[in-house]
N, C-alpha and C. Protein backbone atom coordinates (compact mmCIF):
# COMPACT_ATOMS: atom_id res chain seq x y z
N MET A 1 65.18 21.93 -3.84
CA MET A 1 65.35 20.66 -3.35
C MET A 1 65.18 19.70 -4.50
N TYR A 2 65.90 18.61 -4.47
CA TYR A 2 65.90 17.50 -5.44
C TYR A 2 66.30 16.11 -4.90
N VAL A 3 65.75 15.15 -5.61
CA VAL A 3 66.06 13.79 -5.18
C VAL A 3 66.60 12.94 -6.27
N LEU A 4 67.30 11.83 -5.92
CA LEU A 4 67.71 10.99 -6.79
C LEU A 4 66.97 9.61 -6.34
N PHE A 5 66.27 9.15 -7.23
CA PHE A 5 65.33 7.89 -6.67
C PHE A 5 65.62 6.77 -7.97
N GLU A 6 65.17 5.50 -7.53
CA GLU A 6 65.34 4.46 -8.37
C GLU A 6 63.98 3.84 -8.62
N TYR A 7 63.40 3.69 -9.96
CA TYR A 7 62.23 3.02 -10.03
C TYR A 7 62.40 2.18 -11.46
N LYS A 8 62.00 0.91 -11.27
CA LYS A 8 61.98 -0.29 -12.32
C LYS A 8 63.38 -0.20 -12.79
N GLY A 9 64.53 -0.31 -11.91
CA GLY A 9 65.75 -0.55 -12.47
C GLY A 9 66.54 0.61 -13.10
N ARG A 10 65.86 1.84 -13.04
CA ARG A 10 66.40 3.04 -13.53
C ARG A 10 66.63 4.04 -12.58
N GLN A 11 67.54 5.02 -12.55
CA GLN A 11 67.53 6.12 -11.65
C GLN A 11 67.17 7.42 -12.28
N TYR A 12 66.51 8.21 -11.55
CA TYR A 12 65.93 9.60 -11.97
C TYR A 12 66.28 10.58 -11.02
N LYS A 13 66.47 11.79 -11.48
CA LYS A 13 66.74 13.17 -10.76
C LYS A 13 65.50 13.73 -10.98
N ALA A 14 64.93 14.20 -9.76
CA ALA A 14 63.62 14.98 -9.94
C ALA A 14 63.44 16.14 -8.72
N GLU A 15 62.91 17.16 -9.12
CA GLU A 15 62.31 18.37 -8.47
C GLU A 15 60.87 18.31 -8.45
N LYS A 16 60.40 18.86 -7.49
CA LYS A 16 58.93 19.18 -7.35
C LYS A 16 58.39 19.79 -8.67
N GLY A 17 57.43 19.09 -9.30
CA GLY A 17 56.73 19.65 -10.46
C GLY A 17 57.35 19.27 -11.54
N ALA A 18 58.24 18.36 -11.58
CA ALA A 18 59.32 17.93 -12.79
C ALA A 18 58.50 16.84 -13.62
N LEU A 19 58.64 16.98 -14.92
CA LEU A 19 57.98 15.99 -15.76
C LEU A 19 59.09 15.09 -16.20
N LEU A 20 58.79 13.74 -15.93
CA LEU A 20 59.82 12.68 -16.20
C LEU A 20 59.38 11.77 -17.19
N GLN A 21 60.30 11.11 -17.85
CA GLN A 21 59.80 9.99 -19.04
C GLN A 21 60.20 8.61 -18.50
N PHE A 22 59.13 7.88 -18.20
CA PHE A 22 59.45 6.46 -17.65
C PHE A 22 59.18 5.50 -18.94
N ASP A 23 59.72 4.35 -18.82
CA ASP A 23 59.48 3.46 -19.78
C ASP A 23 57.93 3.06 -19.63
N LYS A 24 57.18 2.54 -20.63
CA LYS A 24 55.80 2.52 -20.60
C LYS A 24 55.23 1.80 -19.29
N LEU A 25 54.29 2.55 -18.62
CA LEU A 25 53.78 1.97 -17.52
C LEU A 25 52.27 1.52 -17.69
N GLU A 26 51.73 0.47 -17.03
CA GLU A 26 50.41 -0.09 -17.26
C GLU A 26 49.57 0.69 -16.50
N GLU A 27 49.74 1.58 -15.62
CA GLU A 27 48.78 2.32 -14.80
C GLU A 27 48.07 3.21 -15.71
N GLU A 28 46.68 3.54 -15.30
CA GLU A 28 45.89 4.62 -15.96
C GLU A 28 46.20 5.86 -15.86
N LYS A 29 45.85 6.89 -16.71
CA LYS A 29 46.15 8.23 -16.66
C LYS A 29 45.51 8.74 -15.50
N GLY A 30 46.34 9.54 -14.53
CA GLY A 30 45.74 10.12 -13.46
C GLY A 30 46.10 9.39 -12.15
N ALA A 31 46.64 8.09 -12.37
CA ALA A 31 47.01 7.25 -11.19
C ALA A 31 48.22 7.69 -10.40
N LYS A 32 48.13 7.59 -9.16
CA LYS A 32 49.17 8.12 -8.24
C LYS A 32 50.12 6.87 -7.87
N ILE A 33 51.36 7.14 -7.76
CA ILE A 33 52.33 6.06 -7.54
C ILE A 33 53.27 6.72 -6.43
N ALA A 34 53.52 6.02 -5.35
CA ALA A 34 54.35 6.25 -4.23
C ALA A 34 55.73 5.50 -4.54
N ILE A 35 56.84 6.19 -4.56
CA ILE A 35 58.11 5.55 -4.74
C ILE A 35 58.95 5.98 -3.65
N ASP A 36 59.37 4.66 -2.83
CA ASP A 36 60.08 4.99 -1.53
C ASP A 36 61.67 4.53 -1.76
N LYS A 37 62.10 4.22 -3.00
CA LYS A 37 63.42 3.78 -3.15
C LYS A 37 64.30 5.10 -3.50
N VAL A 38 64.32 5.91 -2.47
CA VAL A 38 65.04 7.22 -2.78
C VAL A 38 66.58 7.08 -2.42
N LEU A 39 67.54 7.32 -3.26
CA LEU A 39 68.85 7.19 -3.08
C LEU A 39 69.60 8.35 -2.48
N LEU A 40 69.01 9.61 -2.81
CA LEU A 40 69.85 10.87 -2.24
C LEU A 40 68.77 11.96 -2.13
N VAL A 41 68.90 12.76 -1.14
CA VAL A 41 67.83 13.95 -0.95
C VAL A 41 68.72 15.01 -0.66
N SER A 42 68.58 16.19 -1.42
CA SER A 42 69.31 17.38 -1.02
C SER A 42 68.17 18.52 -1.04
N ASP A 43 68.42 19.31 0.09
CA ASP A 43 67.41 20.40 0.10
C ASP A 43 68.15 21.86 0.03
N GLY A 44 69.30 21.76 -0.56
CA GLY A 44 70.19 23.10 -0.84
C GLY A 44 71.29 23.21 0.14
N GLU A 45 71.15 22.83 1.23
CA GLU A 45 72.15 23.08 2.27
C GLU A 45 72.53 21.69 2.75
N LYS A 46 71.72 20.75 2.99
CA LYS A 46 72.04 19.39 3.56
C LYS A 46 71.78 18.42 2.46
N ILE A 47 72.65 17.31 2.44
CA ILE A 47 72.66 16.29 1.51
C ILE A 47 72.35 14.98 2.26
N SER A 48 71.35 14.11 2.11
CA SER A 48 71.28 12.88 2.76
C SER A 48 71.40 11.78 1.87
N VAL A 49 72.37 10.88 2.07
CA VAL A 49 72.78 9.92 1.11
C VAL A 49 72.30 8.58 1.70
N GLY A 50 71.62 7.70 1.06
CA GLY A 50 71.17 6.42 1.59
C GLY A 50 72.09 5.29 1.58
N THR A 51 71.84 4.35 2.41
CA THR A 51 72.80 3.19 2.35
C THR A 51 71.88 1.73 2.26
N PRO A 52 71.33 1.30 1.15
CA PRO A 52 71.24 1.96 -0.11
C PRO A 52 70.16 3.06 -0.28
N TYR A 53 69.06 3.06 0.68
CA TYR A 53 67.95 4.00 0.48
C TYR A 53 67.97 4.88 1.70
N VAL A 54 67.41 6.29 1.44
CA VAL A 54 67.32 7.16 2.44
C VAL A 54 65.91 6.63 3.25
N SER A 55 65.96 6.30 4.52
CA SER A 55 64.84 5.70 5.25
C SER A 55 63.76 6.90 5.41
N GLY A 56 62.59 6.58 5.23
CA GLY A 56 61.56 7.62 5.40
C GLY A 56 61.34 8.63 4.26
N ALA A 57 62.24 8.53 3.37
CA ALA A 57 61.99 9.52 2.18
C ALA A 57 61.11 8.82 0.96
N LYS A 58 60.28 9.72 0.61
CA LYS A 58 59.29 9.24 -0.52
C LYS A 58 59.06 10.24 -1.73
N VAL A 59 58.71 9.81 -2.75
CA VAL A 59 58.47 10.65 -3.97
C VAL A 59 57.13 10.06 -4.48
N ASN A 60 56.05 11.13 -4.59
CA ASN A 60 54.81 11.05 -5.05
C ASN A 60 54.74 11.40 -6.47
N VAL A 61 54.28 10.56 -7.33
CA VAL A 61 54.07 10.99 -8.72
C VAL A 61 52.80 10.62 -9.19
N THR A 62 52.24 11.40 -10.34
CA THR A 62 51.10 11.20 -10.95
C THR A 62 51.37 11.09 -12.46
N VAL A 63 50.65 9.79 -12.97
CA VAL A 63 50.80 9.53 -14.21
C VAL A 63 50.10 10.29 -15.28
N GLU A 64 50.60 10.80 -16.23
CA GLU A 64 50.13 11.78 -17.25
C GLU A 64 49.83 10.90 -18.43
N ASP A 65 50.33 11.17 -19.52
CA ASP A 65 49.99 10.40 -20.70
C ASP A 65 51.13 9.40 -21.39
N SER A 66 50.84 8.67 -22.22
CA SER A 66 51.64 7.87 -22.82
C SER A 66 51.91 7.98 -24.33
N PHE A 67 53.04 7.78 -24.81
CA PHE A 67 53.48 8.18 -26.11
C PHE A 67 54.50 7.42 -26.66
N ARG A 68 54.72 7.49 -28.03
CA ARG A 68 55.74 6.66 -28.71
C ARG A 68 56.85 7.67 -29.08
N ASP A 69 58.19 7.41 -28.95
CA ASP A 69 59.12 8.23 -29.25
C ASP A 69 59.29 8.09 -30.87
N LYS A 70 60.07 9.07 -31.36
CA LYS A 70 60.26 8.93 -32.77
C LYS A 70 61.14 7.71 -33.33
N LYS A 71 60.81 7.40 -34.58
CA LYS A 71 61.23 5.98 -35.18
C LYS A 71 62.71 6.01 -35.20
N VAL A 72 63.60 4.98 -34.81
CA VAL A 72 64.83 4.72 -35.00
C VAL A 72 65.00 3.70 -35.98
N LEU A 73 65.67 4.00 -37.30
CA LEU A 73 65.96 2.94 -38.21
C LEU A 73 67.30 2.49 -38.05
N VAL A 74 67.27 0.89 -38.20
CA VAL A 74 68.40 0.20 -38.15
C VAL A 74 68.69 -0.39 -39.50
N PHE A 75 69.72 -0.13 -40.19
CA PHE A 75 69.99 -0.55 -41.38
C PHE A 75 71.15 -1.59 -41.54
N LYS A 76 71.07 -2.78 -41.85
CA LYS A 76 72.26 -3.65 -42.07
C LYS A 76 72.73 -3.82 -43.43
N TYR A 77 73.95 -4.05 -43.77
CA TYR A 77 74.40 -4.05 -45.13
C TYR A 77 75.62 -4.77 -45.06
N LYS A 78 75.82 -5.63 -46.16
CA LYS A 78 77.25 -6.34 -46.30
C LYS A 78 77.53 -6.13 -47.84
N SER A 79 78.64 -5.53 -48.01
CA SER A 79 79.05 -5.27 -49.39
C SER A 79 79.28 -6.54 -50.27
N LYS A 80 78.91 -6.33 -51.50
CA LYS A 80 79.22 -7.47 -52.46
C LYS A 80 78.43 -8.72 -52.17
N LYS A 81 77.58 -8.74 -51.33
CA LYS A 81 76.78 -10.05 -50.89
C LYS A 81 75.15 -9.76 -51.17
N ASP A 82 74.92 -8.64 -51.77
CA ASP A 82 73.36 -8.47 -52.00
C ASP A 82 72.52 -8.62 -50.75
N TYR A 83 73.10 -8.27 -49.64
CA TYR A 83 72.50 -8.38 -48.23
C TYR A 83 72.13 -6.92 -47.61
N HIS A 84 70.86 -6.72 -47.35
CA HIS A 84 70.51 -5.24 -46.82
C HIS A 84 69.32 -5.57 -46.07
N ARG A 85 69.19 -4.93 -44.88
CA ARG A 85 67.92 -5.22 -44.00
C ARG A 85 67.72 -3.84 -43.50
N LEU A 86 66.29 -3.33 -43.52
CA LEU A 86 66.06 -2.08 -42.80
C LEU A 86 64.86 -2.34 -41.73
N HIS A 87 65.20 -1.96 -40.73
CA HIS A 87 64.26 -2.39 -39.48
C HIS A 87 63.97 -1.09 -38.56
N GLY A 88 62.75 -0.80 -38.16
CA GLY A 88 62.34 0.46 -37.57
C GLY A 88 61.98 -0.06 -36.10
N HIS A 89 62.04 1.02 -35.18
CA HIS A 89 61.35 0.75 -33.81
C HIS A 89 61.13 2.06 -33.12
N ARG A 90 59.90 1.89 -32.51
CA ARG A 90 59.50 3.09 -31.80
C ARG A 90 59.28 2.73 -30.35
N GLN A 91 60.06 3.24 -29.52
CA GLN A 91 60.03 3.11 -28.01
C GLN A 91 58.60 3.82 -27.34
N HIS A 92 58.01 2.99 -26.45
CA HIS A 92 56.86 3.44 -25.69
C HIS A 92 57.25 4.03 -24.51
N TYR A 93 56.72 5.23 -24.15
CA TYR A 93 57.07 5.99 -22.81
C TYR A 93 55.85 6.53 -22.28
N THR A 94 55.93 6.69 -20.97
CA THR A 94 54.82 7.30 -20.13
C THR A 94 55.39 8.58 -19.55
N ASN A 95 54.66 9.82 -19.47
CA ASN A 95 55.19 10.97 -18.79
C ASN A 95 54.57 10.92 -17.44
N VAL A 96 55.42 11.33 -16.38
CA VAL A 96 54.92 11.30 -14.95
C VAL A 96 55.28 12.63 -14.50
N ARG A 97 54.40 13.18 -13.64
CA ARG A 97 54.78 14.54 -12.92
C ARG A 97 54.87 14.25 -11.51
N VAL A 98 56.06 14.84 -10.82
CA VAL A 98 56.44 14.76 -9.59
C VAL A 98 55.60 15.76 -8.91
N ASP A 99 54.54 15.13 -7.79
CA ASP A 99 53.71 15.97 -6.94
C ASP A 99 54.50 16.46 -5.83
N GLU A 100 54.91 15.52 -5.03
CA GLU A 100 55.66 16.14 -3.74
C GLU A 100 56.82 15.23 -3.50
N ILE A 101 57.71 15.82 -2.59
CA ILE A 101 58.84 15.03 -2.27
C ILE A 101 58.75 15.05 -0.64
N ILE A 102 58.75 13.80 -0.06
CA ILE A 102 58.56 13.80 1.42
C ILE A 102 60.11 13.35 1.92
N THR A 103 60.68 14.10 2.79
CA THR A 103 62.04 13.69 3.36
C THR A 103 61.69 13.17 4.78
N ALA A 104 62.86 12.43 5.22
CA ALA A 104 62.80 11.81 6.51
C ALA A 104 62.87 12.76 7.63
């Protein structure tokens, strides 16, 4: 069984017990979140597609830990103009664990 759901403008595919990476959340570690914007539910035999959301379907997740991704370096350079810039960025993420999937 798996679901496709939308959370904060992004779509995720999840199964029970899956570990997902969300953009950084402000919730504390161990907080429970109920997501009701379920786009598709598949139980192996039957597929339910929402218009736009499947009514009555819900995904419950638990917030685990937050972390920063590896550094991405951005280098700008213009030849013969003595111009070069190096800029680094580390994106913040939060791991969440899918506890249960409630179907309609």
